[in-house]
Amino acid sequence: MRKIVTLFSIVLILFIGDNSIIPFLAIKGFSPSLLFVFIVSYSIINGSWEGLWLGVFAGLLQDVYFSNVLGINALTNMLSCVIAGYVGINIFKEKILIPVATSFLLSIFKGILVFMLLYIVSVNMPLRNIVFNSLYNMLVSIPMYKFVFNLCNKDYMERKWKF
C-alpha cells in the first residue's frame, strides 16, 4: 500500500511541476517532461507490467489536462513504458548510459507517435519540437534515473517473495 501511495504522490507532484514550474525553465520554448522521464525510468527498473499501469495513469492525467482527444498520451505512455520495461530486462540497472539513451529514444518515439495521431485528427504540431524536447528529456533523465533507482531500492518499494 505504501508503494502505491508513494508512486501516486510522485506522479501527482511531477504532473503539477510539469505544468506550473517547468515552463519557467524552458529554453527557447522547449521544456522537458519530468513525468514522462520518471515513468520511463521506473519502467526500466521495475519491468513493463508495473510501467504499463503507471504509464496509463500518467497519460490519462496528461490527457485530461491537455488534449481534446482523450487517450493519446495514455496510449503513447503505455507503449513507451512497455518498451522501456523490455529494455530493462537485459541491462545492468546500476549503469546509467542505457537508461539515458532509452529515455531519449522513447521521447522521440512518443513524439512521433503523438504527431501521427494528432495528424489523423487534423491537429498540427511542429516536428522540430520532438527533437529538442527529447534532448531536454535526456538531460533530465540523468538525475531522474538516479532518483528512481534509489527509490526502487527502498524496502517498501521492492516486491518480496513469500513462500
N, C-alpha and C. Protein backbone atom coordinates (compact mmCIF):
# COMPACT_ATOMS: atom_id res chain seq x y z
N MET A 1 0.83 -1.19 0.00
CA MET A 1 0.00 0.00 0.00
C MET A 1 0.87 1.26 0.00
N ARG A 2 1.95 1.21 0.77
CA ARG A 2 2.83 2.38 0.86
C ARG A 2 3.48 2.66 -0.49
N LYS A 3 3.76 1.61 -1.25
CA LYS A 3 4.34 1.77 -2.58
C LYS A 3 3.37 2.51 -3.51
N ILE A 4 2.11 2.14 -3.47
CA ILE A 4 1.10 2.77 -4.33
C ILE A 4 0.92 4.23 -3.96
N VAL A 5 0.86 4.52 -2.69
CA VAL A 5 0.71 5.91 -2.24
C VAL A 5 1.93 6.74 -2.65
N THR A 6 3.11 6.15 -2.52
CA THR A 6 4.34 6.85 -2.91
C THR A 6 4.33 7.16 -4.40
N LEU A 7 4.02 6.16 -5.22
CA LEU A 7 4.00 6.38 -6.67
C LEU A 7 2.93 7.37 -7.08
N PHE A 8 1.75 7.27 -6.48
CA PHE A 8 0.66 8.20 -6.77
C PHE A 8 1.07 9.63 -6.42
N SER A 9 1.70 9.80 -5.27
CA SER A 9 2.14 11.13 -4.84
C SER A 9 3.21 11.70 -5.77
N ILE A 10 4.18 10.88 -6.14
CA ILE A 10 5.25 11.35 -7.02
C ILE A 10 4.69 11.73 -8.39
N VAL A 11 3.78 10.91 -8.92
CA VAL A 11 3.19 11.22 -10.23
C VAL A 11 2.41 12.53 -10.16
N LEU A 12 1.65 12.74 -9.11
CA LEU A 12 0.90 13.99 -8.98
C LEU A 12 1.83 15.20 -8.84
N ILE A 13 2.88 15.06 -8.03
CA ILE A 13 3.82 16.16 -7.85
C ILE A 13 4.52 16.49 -9.17
N LEU A 14 4.96 15.47 -9.90
CA LEU A 14 5.63 15.71 -11.18
C LEU A 14 4.67 16.28 -12.21
N PHE A 15 3.43 15.84 -12.19
CA PHE A 15 2.42 16.38 -13.11
C PHE A 15 2.18 17.87 -12.84
N ILE A 16 2.06 18.22 -11.58
CA ILE A 16 1.87 19.63 -11.22
C ILE A 16 3.12 20.44 -11.56
N GLY A 17 4.29 19.87 -11.29
CA GLY A 17 5.54 20.55 -11.63
C GLY A 17 5.70 20.75 -13.12
N ASP A 18 5.32 19.74 -13.91
CA ASP A 18 5.40 19.86 -15.37
C ASP A 18 4.55 21.01 -15.90
N ASN A 19 3.44 21.26 -15.24
CA ASN A 19 2.51 22.27 -15.75
C ASN A 19 2.64 23.63 -15.09
N SER A 20 3.37 23.71 -13.98
CA SER A 20 3.46 25.00 -13.30
C SER A 20 4.88 25.56 -13.22
N ILE A 21 5.86 24.73 -12.90
CA ILE A 21 7.22 25.22 -12.68
C ILE A 21 8.10 25.05 -13.91
N ILE A 22 8.01 23.92 -14.56
CA ILE A 22 8.89 23.59 -15.68
C ILE A 22 8.75 24.57 -16.86
N PRO A 23 7.58 25.11 -17.16
CA PRO A 23 7.54 26.10 -18.26
C PRO A 23 8.44 27.32 -18.02
N PHE A 24 8.74 27.63 -16.77
CA PHE A 24 9.65 28.74 -16.48
C PHE A 24 11.10 28.37 -16.76
N LEU A 25 11.39 27.09 -16.83
CA LEU A 25 12.74 26.61 -17.12
C LEU A 25 12.93 26.27 -18.59
N ALA A 26 11.98 26.65 -19.41
CA ALA A 26 12.04 26.34 -20.84
C ALA A 26 13.19 27.10 -21.50
N ILE A 27 13.81 26.43 -22.45
CA ILE A 27 14.88 27.04 -23.25
C ILE A 27 14.34 27.20 -24.66
N LYS A 28 14.16 28.44 -25.09
CA LYS A 28 13.61 28.76 -26.42
C LYS A 28 12.27 28.07 -26.65
N GLY A 29 11.47 27.97 -25.61
CA GLY A 29 10.14 27.39 -25.73
C GLY A 29 10.08 25.88 -25.56
N PHE A 30 11.19 25.23 -25.37
CA PHE A 30 11.22 23.78 -25.21
C PHE A 30 11.45 23.42 -23.76
N SER A 31 10.64 22.51 -23.27
CA SER A 31 10.79 22.10 -21.87
C SER A 31 10.70 20.59 -21.76
N PRO A 32 11.31 20.03 -20.71
CA PRO A 32 11.27 18.57 -20.55
C PRO A 32 9.96 18.13 -19.91
N SER A 33 9.71 16.86 -19.94
CA SER A 33 8.58 16.27 -19.25
C SER A 33 9.11 15.40 -18.12
N LEU A 34 9.08 15.93 -16.92
CA LEU A 34 9.57 15.19 -15.76
C LEU A 34 8.75 13.92 -15.55
N LEU A 35 7.47 14.02 -15.79
CA LEU A 35 6.59 12.88 -15.59
C LEU A 35 6.93 11.74 -16.55
N PHE A 36 7.16 12.07 -17.81
CA PHE A 36 7.49 11.04 -18.80
C PHE A 36 8.83 10.40 -18.47
N VAL A 37 9.81 11.21 -18.10
CA VAL A 37 11.13 10.67 -17.76
C VAL A 37 11.02 9.77 -16.53
N PHE A 38 10.20 10.14 -15.57
CA PHE A 38 10.01 9.33 -14.37
C PHE A 38 9.40 7.97 -14.71
N ILE A 39 8.34 7.96 -15.51
CA ILE A 39 7.67 6.68 -15.78
C ILE A 39 8.54 5.78 -16.65
N VAL A 40 9.34 6.36 -17.54
CA VAL A 40 10.26 5.54 -18.34
C VAL A 40 11.34 4.95 -17.44
N SER A 41 11.90 5.76 -16.55
CA SER A 41 12.93 5.26 -15.63
C SER A 41 12.37 4.18 -14.72
N TYR A 42 11.17 4.39 -14.23
CA TYR A 42 10.53 3.41 -13.36
C TYR A 42 10.29 2.10 -14.11
N SER A 43 9.89 2.20 -15.36
CA SER A 43 9.63 1.00 -16.16
C SER A 43 10.91 0.23 -16.45
N ILE A 44 12.00 0.94 -16.68
CA ILE A 44 13.27 0.26 -16.93
C ILE A 44 13.68 -0.55 -15.70
N ILE A 45 13.46 -0.01 -14.52
CA ILE A 45 13.89 -0.68 -13.30
C ILE A 45 12.92 -1.80 -12.89
N ASN A 46 11.62 -1.56 -13.00
CA ASN A 46 10.64 -2.49 -12.46
C ASN A 46 9.93 -3.38 -13.48
N GLY A 47 10.18 -3.19 -14.74
CA GLY A 47 9.57 -4.05 -15.73
C GLY A 47 8.36 -3.43 -16.40
N SER A 48 7.94 -4.07 -17.46
CA SER A 48 6.90 -3.49 -18.30
C SER A 48 5.51 -3.56 -17.67
N TRP A 49 5.24 -4.56 -16.85
CA TRP A 49 3.89 -4.67 -16.28
C TRP A 49 3.59 -3.51 -15.31
N GLU A 50 4.50 -3.22 -14.41
CA GLU A 50 4.28 -2.09 -13.49
C GLU A 50 4.34 -0.76 -14.24
N GLY A 51 5.24 -0.67 -15.21
CA GLY A 51 5.35 0.54 -16.00
C GLY A 51 4.11 0.81 -16.83
N LEU A 52 3.48 -0.26 -17.31
CA LEU A 52 2.27 -0.12 -18.12
C LEU A 52 1.19 0.63 -17.35
N TRP A 53 0.93 0.20 -16.12
CA TRP A 53 -0.12 0.85 -15.33
C TRP A 53 0.25 2.26 -14.93
N LEU A 54 1.50 2.48 -14.61
CA LEU A 54 1.94 3.83 -14.26
C LEU A 54 1.87 4.74 -15.47
N GLY A 55 2.23 4.22 -16.65
CA GLY A 55 2.17 5.00 -17.88
C GLY A 55 0.75 5.38 -18.25
N VAL A 56 -0.18 4.44 -18.10
CA VAL A 56 -1.59 4.74 -18.42
C VAL A 56 -2.13 5.80 -17.46
N PHE A 57 -1.83 5.66 -16.17
CA PHE A 57 -2.31 6.65 -15.20
C PHE A 57 -1.75 8.03 -15.49
N ALA A 58 -0.45 8.11 -15.72
CA ALA A 58 0.18 9.40 -16.02
C ALA A 58 -0.35 9.97 -17.32
N GLY A 59 -0.55 9.12 -18.32
CA GLY A 59 -1.08 9.58 -19.60
C GLY A 59 -2.50 10.10 -19.49
N LEU A 60 -3.32 9.45 -18.68
CA LEU A 60 -4.69 9.94 -18.50
C LEU A 60 -4.71 11.30 -17.81
N LEU A 61 -3.80 11.49 -16.85
CA LEU A 61 -3.68 12.81 -16.23
C LEU A 61 -3.33 13.88 -17.27
N GLN A 62 -2.35 13.55 -18.13
CA GLN A 62 -1.95 14.49 -19.17
C GLN A 62 -3.08 14.73 -20.17
N ASP A 63 -3.82 13.70 -20.51
CA ASP A 63 -4.91 13.84 -21.47
C ASP A 63 -6.03 14.71 -20.94
N VAL A 64 -6.38 14.51 -19.68
CA VAL A 64 -7.47 15.30 -19.09
C VAL A 64 -7.08 16.77 -19.05
N TYR A 65 -5.83 17.04 -18.78
CA TYR A 65 -5.38 18.42 -18.65
C TYR A 65 -5.12 19.09 -20.00
N PHE A 66 -4.57 18.35 -20.97
CA PHE A 66 -4.09 18.97 -22.20
C PHE A 66 -4.99 18.82 -23.41
N SER A 67 -5.20 17.61 -23.83
CA SER A 67 -5.71 17.40 -25.18
C SER A 67 -7.22 17.32 -25.24
N ASN A 68 -7.71 17.61 -26.43
CA ASN A 68 -9.14 17.46 -26.70
C ASN A 68 -9.47 16.01 -27.04
N VAL A 69 -8.44 15.23 -27.33
CA VAL A 69 -8.62 13.84 -27.70
C VAL A 69 -8.12 12.98 -26.53
N LEU A 70 -9.04 12.35 -25.84
CA LEU A 70 -8.69 11.55 -24.66
C LEU A 70 -8.05 10.24 -25.08
N GLY A 71 -6.89 9.94 -24.54
CA GLY A 71 -6.27 8.66 -24.76
C GLY A 71 -4.96 8.70 -25.51
N ILE A 72 -4.61 9.82 -26.14
CA ILE A 72 -3.37 9.87 -26.92
C ILE A 72 -2.16 9.71 -26.01
N ASN A 73 -2.08 10.49 -24.96
CA ASN A 73 -0.95 10.37 -24.04
C ASN A 73 -0.98 9.06 -23.27
N ALA A 74 -2.16 8.58 -22.92
CA ALA A 74 -2.25 7.31 -22.21
C ALA A 74 -1.72 6.18 -23.09
N LEU A 75 -2.09 6.17 -24.35
CA LEU A 75 -1.62 5.13 -25.27
C LEU A 75 -0.12 5.23 -25.51
N THR A 76 0.37 6.42 -25.79
CA THR A 76 1.79 6.57 -26.09
C THR A 76 2.66 6.32 -24.86
N ASN A 77 2.21 6.77 -23.69
CA ASN A 77 2.96 6.48 -22.47
C ASN A 77 2.98 4.98 -22.17
N MET A 78 1.84 4.33 -22.39
CA MET A 78 1.77 2.89 -22.14
C MET A 78 2.74 2.13 -23.05
N LEU A 79 2.73 2.46 -24.33
CA LEU A 79 3.64 1.79 -25.27
C LEU A 79 5.10 2.07 -24.92
N SER A 80 5.40 3.30 -24.57
CA SER A 80 6.77 3.66 -24.21
C SER A 80 7.23 2.93 -22.96
N CYS A 81 6.35 2.79 -21.98
CA CYS A 81 6.71 2.11 -20.74
C CYS A 81 6.89 0.61 -20.96
N VAL A 82 6.09 0.03 -21.82
CA VAL A 82 6.25 -1.40 -22.11
C VAL A 82 7.60 -1.64 -22.80
N ILE A 83 7.94 -0.79 -23.76
CA ILE A 83 9.24 -0.91 -24.43
C ILE A 83 10.37 -0.71 -23.43
N ALA A 84 10.24 0.30 -22.56
CA ALA A 84 11.27 0.55 -21.55
C ALA A 84 11.43 -0.64 -20.61
N GLY A 85 10.32 -1.29 -20.28
CA GLY A 85 10.39 -2.46 -19.42
C GLY A 85 11.15 -3.60 -20.07
N TYR A 86 10.96 -3.78 -21.38
CA TYR A 86 11.70 -4.82 -22.08
C TYR A 86 13.18 -4.47 -22.21
N VAL A 87 13.49 -3.19 -22.34
CA VAL A 87 14.89 -2.77 -22.37
C VAL A 87 15.54 -3.06 -21.02
N GLY A 88 14.81 -2.83 -19.95
CA GLY A 88 15.34 -3.02 -18.61
C GLY A 88 15.63 -4.45 -18.23
N ILE A 89 15.09 -5.40 -18.98
CA ILE A 89 15.32 -6.82 -18.65
C ILE A 89 16.78 -7.19 -18.83
N ASN A 90 17.41 -6.67 -19.85
CA ASN A 90 18.74 -7.14 -20.24
C ASN A 90 19.88 -6.19 -19.92
N ILE A 91 19.68 -5.26 -19.01
CA ILE A 91 20.76 -4.31 -18.71
C ILE A 91 21.12 -4.38 -17.24
N PHE A 92 22.30 -3.86 -16.93
CA PHE A 92 22.67 -3.64 -15.54
C PHE A 92 22.01 -2.34 -15.11
N LYS A 93 21.11 -2.42 -14.18
CA LYS A 93 20.32 -1.25 -13.78
C LYS A 93 21.14 -0.20 -13.03
N GLU A 94 22.32 -0.59 -12.54
CA GLU A 94 23.17 0.36 -11.83
C GLU A 94 23.85 1.33 -12.79
N LYS A 95 24.04 0.93 -14.03
CA LYS A 95 24.68 1.78 -15.04
C LYS A 95 23.65 2.74 -15.61
N ILE A 96 24.10 3.92 -16.01
CA ILE A 96 23.15 4.97 -16.38
C ILE A 96 23.10 5.23 -17.89
N LEU A 97 24.06 4.76 -18.65
CA LEU A 97 24.13 5.09 -20.07
C LEU A 97 22.93 4.58 -20.87
N ILE A 98 22.59 3.32 -20.73
CA ILE A 98 21.48 2.74 -21.49
C ILE A 98 20.14 3.37 -21.09
N PRO A 99 19.84 3.57 -19.80
CA PRO A 99 18.58 4.23 -19.45
C PRO A 99 18.46 5.65 -20.00
N VAL A 100 19.56 6.40 -20.03
CA VAL A 100 19.51 7.76 -20.57
C VAL A 100 19.27 7.72 -22.07
N ALA A 101 19.95 6.84 -22.77
CA ALA A 101 19.74 6.69 -24.21
C ALA A 101 18.33 6.21 -24.51
N THR A 102 17.83 5.30 -23.69
CA THR A 102 16.46 4.80 -23.86
C THR A 102 15.45 5.91 -23.66
N SER A 103 15.68 6.74 -22.67
CA SER A 103 14.78 7.88 -22.44
C SER A 103 14.75 8.81 -23.65
N PHE A 104 15.90 9.06 -24.23
CA PHE A 104 15.98 9.91 -25.43
C PHE A 104 15.21 9.28 -26.60
N LEU A 105 15.48 8.01 -26.85
CA LEU A 105 14.84 7.33 -27.98
C LEU A 105 13.33 7.18 -27.78
N LEU A 106 12.92 6.90 -26.55
CA LEU A 106 11.48 6.78 -26.30
C LEU A 106 10.78 8.12 -26.32
N SER A 107 11.49 9.20 -26.01
CA SER A 107 10.91 10.53 -26.16
C SER A 107 10.65 10.84 -27.63
N ILE A 108 11.61 10.46 -28.48
CA ILE A 108 11.40 10.64 -29.92
C ILE A 108 10.26 9.75 -30.40
N PHE A 109 10.23 8.49 -29.94
CA PHE A 109 9.16 7.58 -30.30
C PHE A 109 7.80 8.13 -29.92
N LYS A 110 7.68 8.61 -28.68
CA LYS A 110 6.40 9.17 -28.22
C LYS A 110 6.03 10.40 -29.03
N GLY A 111 7.00 11.27 -29.30
CA GLY A 111 6.72 12.47 -30.07
C GLY A 111 6.22 12.17 -31.46
N ILE A 112 6.85 11.21 -32.12
CA ILE A 112 6.42 10.85 -33.48
C ILE A 112 5.05 10.20 -33.45
N LEU A 113 4.81 9.36 -32.46
CA LEU A 113 3.51 8.72 -32.35
C LEU A 113 2.40 9.75 -32.07
N VAL A 114 2.66 10.70 -31.19
CA VAL A 114 1.69 11.75 -30.91
C VAL A 114 1.48 12.60 -32.17
N PHE A 115 2.56 12.91 -32.88
CA PHE A 115 2.45 13.68 -34.12
C PHE A 115 1.54 12.97 -35.12
N MET A 116 1.75 11.66 -35.28
CA MET A 116 0.93 10.91 -36.25
C MET A 116 -0.53 10.84 -35.81
N LEU A 117 -0.76 10.61 -34.52
CA LEU A 117 -2.15 10.54 -34.04
C LEU A 117 -2.85 11.90 -34.14
N LEU A 118 -2.13 12.97 -33.85
CA LEU A 118 -2.73 14.31 -33.98
C LEU A 118 -2.94 14.68 -35.44
N TYR A 119 -2.06 14.21 -36.32
CA TYR A 119 -2.23 14.46 -37.75
C TYR A 119 -3.50 13.80 -38.27
N ILE A 120 -3.81 12.62 -37.74
CA ILE A 120 -5.02 11.92 -38.15
C ILE A 120 -6.27 12.71 -37.78
N VAL A 121 -6.25 13.37 -36.63
CA VAL A 121 -7.41 14.17 -36.21
C VAL A 121 -7.28 15.64 -36.59
N SER A 122 -6.37 15.95 -37.52
CA SER A 122 -6.19 17.29 -38.11
C SER A 122 -5.73 18.35 -37.12
N VAL A 123 -4.82 17.98 -36.24
CA VAL A 123 -4.20 18.94 -35.33
C VAL A 123 -2.73 19.03 -35.72
N ASN A 124 -2.26 20.25 -35.97
CA ASN A 124 -0.88 20.44 -36.40
C ASN A 124 0.05 20.59 -35.21
N MET A 125 1.24 20.00 -35.37
CA MET A 125 2.27 20.07 -34.35
C MET A 125 3.61 20.11 -35.07
N PRO A 126 4.48 21.07 -34.74
CA PRO A 126 5.78 21.11 -35.42
C PRO A 126 6.67 19.94 -35.04
N LEU A 127 7.32 19.36 -36.04
CA LEU A 127 8.19 18.20 -35.82
C LEU A 127 9.47 18.56 -35.06
N ARG A 128 9.94 19.79 -35.18
CA ARG A 128 11.20 20.14 -34.52
C ARG A 128 11.06 20.13 -33.00
N ASN A 129 9.83 20.28 -32.50
CA ASN A 129 9.61 20.20 -31.05
C ASN A 129 10.02 18.85 -30.50
N ILE A 130 9.84 17.81 -31.30
CA ILE A 130 10.13 16.45 -30.84
C ILE A 130 11.61 16.30 -30.51
N VAL A 131 12.48 16.77 -31.40
CA VAL A 131 13.92 16.59 -31.21
C VAL A 131 14.41 17.38 -30.00
N PHE A 132 14.01 18.63 -29.90
CA PHE A 132 14.51 19.46 -28.80
C PHE A 132 13.95 19.02 -27.44
N ASN A 133 12.69 18.65 -27.40
CA ASN A 133 12.13 18.14 -26.15
C ASN A 133 12.79 16.83 -25.75
N SER A 134 13.12 16.00 -26.73
CA SER A 134 13.80 14.73 -26.44
C SER A 134 15.20 14.96 -25.89
N LEU A 135 15.91 15.92 -26.44
CA LEU A 135 17.24 16.25 -25.91
C LEU A 135 17.15 16.75 -24.47
N TYR A 136 16.17 17.58 -24.21
CA TYR A 136 15.97 18.10 -22.86
C TYR A 136 15.58 16.97 -21.91
N ASN A 137 14.73 16.05 -22.37
CA ASN A 137 14.36 14.89 -21.55
C ASN A 137 15.58 14.04 -21.24
N MET A 138 16.49 13.92 -22.21
CA MET A 138 17.69 13.13 -22.00
C MET A 138 18.55 13.74 -20.89
N LEU A 139 18.68 15.06 -20.87
CA LEU A 139 19.46 15.72 -19.82
C LEU A 139 18.81 15.54 -18.45
N VAL A 140 17.50 15.62 -18.41
CA VAL A 140 16.78 15.48 -17.15
C VAL A 140 16.80 14.04 -16.66
N SER A 141 16.93 13.09 -17.59
CA SER A 141 16.88 11.68 -17.21
C SER A 141 18.09 11.25 -16.39
N ILE A 142 19.18 11.98 -16.45
CA ILE A 142 20.37 11.60 -15.66
C ILE A 142 20.08 11.68 -14.16
N PRO A 143 19.66 12.83 -13.62
CA PRO A 143 19.35 12.83 -12.17
C PRO A 143 18.06 12.07 -11.85
N MET A 144 17.11 12.05 -12.80
CA MET A 144 15.85 11.36 -12.52
C MET A 144 16.06 9.86 -12.39
N TYR A 145 16.90 9.28 -13.24
CA TYR A 145 17.15 7.83 -13.15
C TYR A 145 17.82 7.48 -11.83
N LYS A 146 18.76 8.32 -11.39
CA LYS A 146 19.41 8.07 -10.10
C LYS A 146 18.39 8.13 -8.96
N PHE A 147 17.47 9.10 -9.03
CA PHE A 147 16.42 9.22 -8.02
C PHE A 147 15.52 7.98 -8.01
N VAL A 148 15.09 7.56 -9.20
CA VAL A 148 14.19 6.40 -9.29
C VAL A 148 14.91 5.13 -8.86
N PHE A 149 16.16 4.99 -9.24
CA PHE A 149 16.92 3.79 -8.83
C PHE A 149 17.03 3.72 -7.31
N ASN A 150 17.33 4.83 -6.67
CA ASN A 150 17.41 4.85 -5.20
C ASN A 150 16.05 4.61 -4.56
N LEU A 151 15.00 5.17 -5.16
CA LEU A 151 13.65 4.98 -4.65
C LEU A 151 13.24 3.51 -4.73
N CYS A 152 13.53 2.87 -5.84
CA CYS A 152 13.13 1.48 -6.04
C CYS A 152 13.92 0.50 -5.19
N ASN A 153 15.02 0.93 -4.61
CA ASN A 153 15.80 0.07 -3.72
C ASN A 153 15.37 0.19 -2.26
N LYS A 154 14.39 1.02 -1.97
CA LYS A 154 13.84 1.11 -0.62
C LYS A 154 13.09 -0.19 -0.30
N ASP A 155 13.04 -0.56 0.96
CA ASP A 155 12.39 -1.80 1.36
C ASP A 155 10.91 -1.85 0.98
N TYR A 156 10.20 -0.77 1.17
CA TYR A 156 8.77 -0.78 0.90
C TYR A 156 8.43 -0.73 -0.60
N MET A 157 9.42 -0.46 -1.45
CA MET A 157 9.18 -0.43 -2.89
C MET A 157 9.50 -1.75 -3.57
N GLU A 158 10.25 -2.61 -2.91
CA GLU A 158 10.64 -3.87 -3.51
C GLU A 158 9.57 -4.93 -3.29
N ARG A 159 9.42 -5.78 -4.28
CA ARG A 159 8.47 -6.88 -4.19
C ARG A 159 9.15 -8.04 -3.48
N LYS A 160 8.56 -8.45 -2.39
CA LYS A 160 9.12 -9.57 -1.62
C LYS A 160 8.36 -10.85 -1.98
N TRP A 161 9.11 -11.90 -2.20
CA TRP A 161 8.51 -13.20 -2.47
C TRP A 161 8.29 -13.91 -1.15
N LYS A 162 7.08 -14.45 -0.98
CA LYS A 162 6.76 -15.19 0.25
C LYS A 162 6.45 -16.63 -0.14
N PHE A 163 7.15 -17.55 0.48
CA PHE A 163 6.94 -18.97 0.19
C PHE A 163 6.28 -19.65 1.36
